[in-house]
Amino acid sequence: MKKLLSIASVALLAACTPAAQNETAEAADQVSADANATFGEAINDTDAAADRAFGSAEATIDNSAATLGNAADDAADQTGAALKDAGNAIED
């Protein structure tokens, strides 16, 4: 059995001509280049998605801050008006 495997191994090695070896190396290089391109695209897509998400979060925070600021202004205005009314009521 070992002898048969050794003969098969030698036969396979002998079948690998320099041209076949070159074609195999070129195919491996192409697979590597395709994988690199795919990973590069994935990184770019991920970066773009992160930028959109952060932009959306920033806009949400800005809008929330504006809403809180407006609510605080309204509360201050109402408090001021109530104090004026109370002052006027005391004067009368």
Protein backbone atom coordinates (compact mmCIF):
# COMPACT_ATOMS: atom_id res chain seq x y z
CA MET A 1 0.00 0.00 0.00
CA LYS A 2 2.78 2.44 0.92
CA LYS A 3 4.56 1.58 -2.31
CA LEU A 4 1.41 2.33 -4.32
CA LEU A 5 1.02 5.72 -2.60
CA SER A 6 4.68 6.54 -3.26
CA ILE A 7 4.29 5.68 -6.93
CA ALA A 8 1.14 7.81 -7.14
CA SER A 9 2.92 10.72 -5.48
CA VAL A 10 5.85 10.49 -7.87
CA ALA A 11 3.44 10.29 -10.80
CA LEU A 12 1.61 13.40 -9.63
CA LEU A 13 4.85 15.32 -9.20
CA ALA A 14 6.07 14.23 -12.60
CA ALA A 15 2.80 15.38 -14.16
CA CYS A 16 3.38 18.89 -12.91
CA THR A 17 5.24 20.42 -15.81
CA PRO A 18 6.72 23.87 -15.47
CA ALA A 19 3.80 25.19 -17.53
CA ALA A 20 1.28 23.55 -15.17
CA GLN A 21 3.16 24.92 -12.19
CA ASN A 22 3.10 28.42 -13.70
CA GLU A 23 -0.62 28.17 -14.40
CA THR A 24 -1.24 27.02 -10.84
CA ALA A 25 0.81 29.92 -9.48
CA GLU A 26 -1.04 32.39 -11.71
CA ALA A 27 -4.39 30.99 -10.58
CA ALA A 28 -3.32 31.31 -6.95
CA ASP A 29 -2.23 34.90 -7.57
CA GLN A 30 -5.60 35.69 -9.17
CA VAL A 31 -7.49 34.16 -6.25
CA SER A 32 -5.39 36.23 -3.86
CA ALA A 33 -5.99 39.42 -5.87
CA ASP A 34 -9.75 38.74 -5.97
CA ALA A 35 -9.83 38.16 -2.22
CA ASN A 36 -7.91 41.40 -1.60
CA ALA A 37 -10.29 43.35 -3.84
CA THR A 38 -13.32 41.85 -2.10
CA PHE A 39 -11.96 42.70 1.35
CA GLY A 40 -11.12 46.22 0.16
CA GLU A 41 -14.68 46.73 -1.05
CA ALA A 42 -16.04 45.34 2.23
CA ILE A 43 -13.90 47.78 4.21
CA ASN A 44 -15.05 50.71 2.06
CA ASP A 45 -18.69 49.67 2.44
CA THR A 46 -18.29 49.33 6.20
CA ASP A 47 -16.62 52.74 6.47
CA ALA A 48 -19.40 54.35 4.43
CA ALA A 49 -22.09 52.73 6.58
CA ALA A 50 -20.34 53.87 9.76
CA ASP A 51 -20.09 57.43 8.41
CA ARG A 52 -23.82 57.44 7.62
CA ALA A 53 -24.68 56.05 11.05
CA PHE A 54 -22.51 58.60 12.86
CA GLY A 55 -23.96 61.41 10.75
CA SER A 56 -27.47 60.28 11.61
CA ALA A 57 -26.61 60.05 15.30
CA GLU A 58 -25.05 63.51 15.22
CA ALA A 59 -28.17 64.96 13.58
CA THR A 60 -30.37 63.27 16.18
CA ILE A 61 -28.29 64.69 19.02
CA ASP A 62 -28.36 68.16 17.46
CA ASN A 63 -32.14 68.00 17.03
CA SER A 64 -32.59 66.79 20.61
CA ALA A 65 -30.42 69.61 21.93
CA ALA A 66 -32.44 72.15 19.97
CA THR A 67 -35.70 70.68 21.26
CA LEU A 68 -34.44 70.79 24.86
CA GLY A 69 -33.23 74.36 24.38
CA ASN A 70 -36.60 75.43 23.03
CA ALA A 71 -38.40 73.70 25.91
CA ALA A 72 -36.14 75.44 28.44
CA ASP A 73 -36.80 78.81 26.76
CA ASP A 74 -40.55 78.19 26.86
CA ALA A 75 -40.37 77.21 30.53
CA ALA A 76 -38.37 80.33 31.36
CA ASP A 77 -40.84 82.50 29.47
CA GLN A 78 -43.80 80.94 31.28
CA THR A 79 -42.05 81.29 34.64
CA GLY A 80 -41.28 84.93 33.90
CA ALA A 81 -44.87 85.59 32.90
CA ALA A 82 -46.17 83.88 36.06
CA LEU A 83 -43.83 85.99 38.21
CA LYS A 84 -45.02 89.19 36.48
CA ASP A 85 -48.61 88.16 37.02
CA ALA A 86 -47.87 87.45 40.68
CA GLY A 87 -46.14 90.83 41.03
CA ASN A 88 -49.02 92.62 39.38
CA ALA A 89 -51.48 90.81 41.64
CA ILE A 90 -49.54 91.94 44.71
CA GLU A 91 -49.48 95.58 43.53
CA ASP A 92 -53.24 95.63 43.00
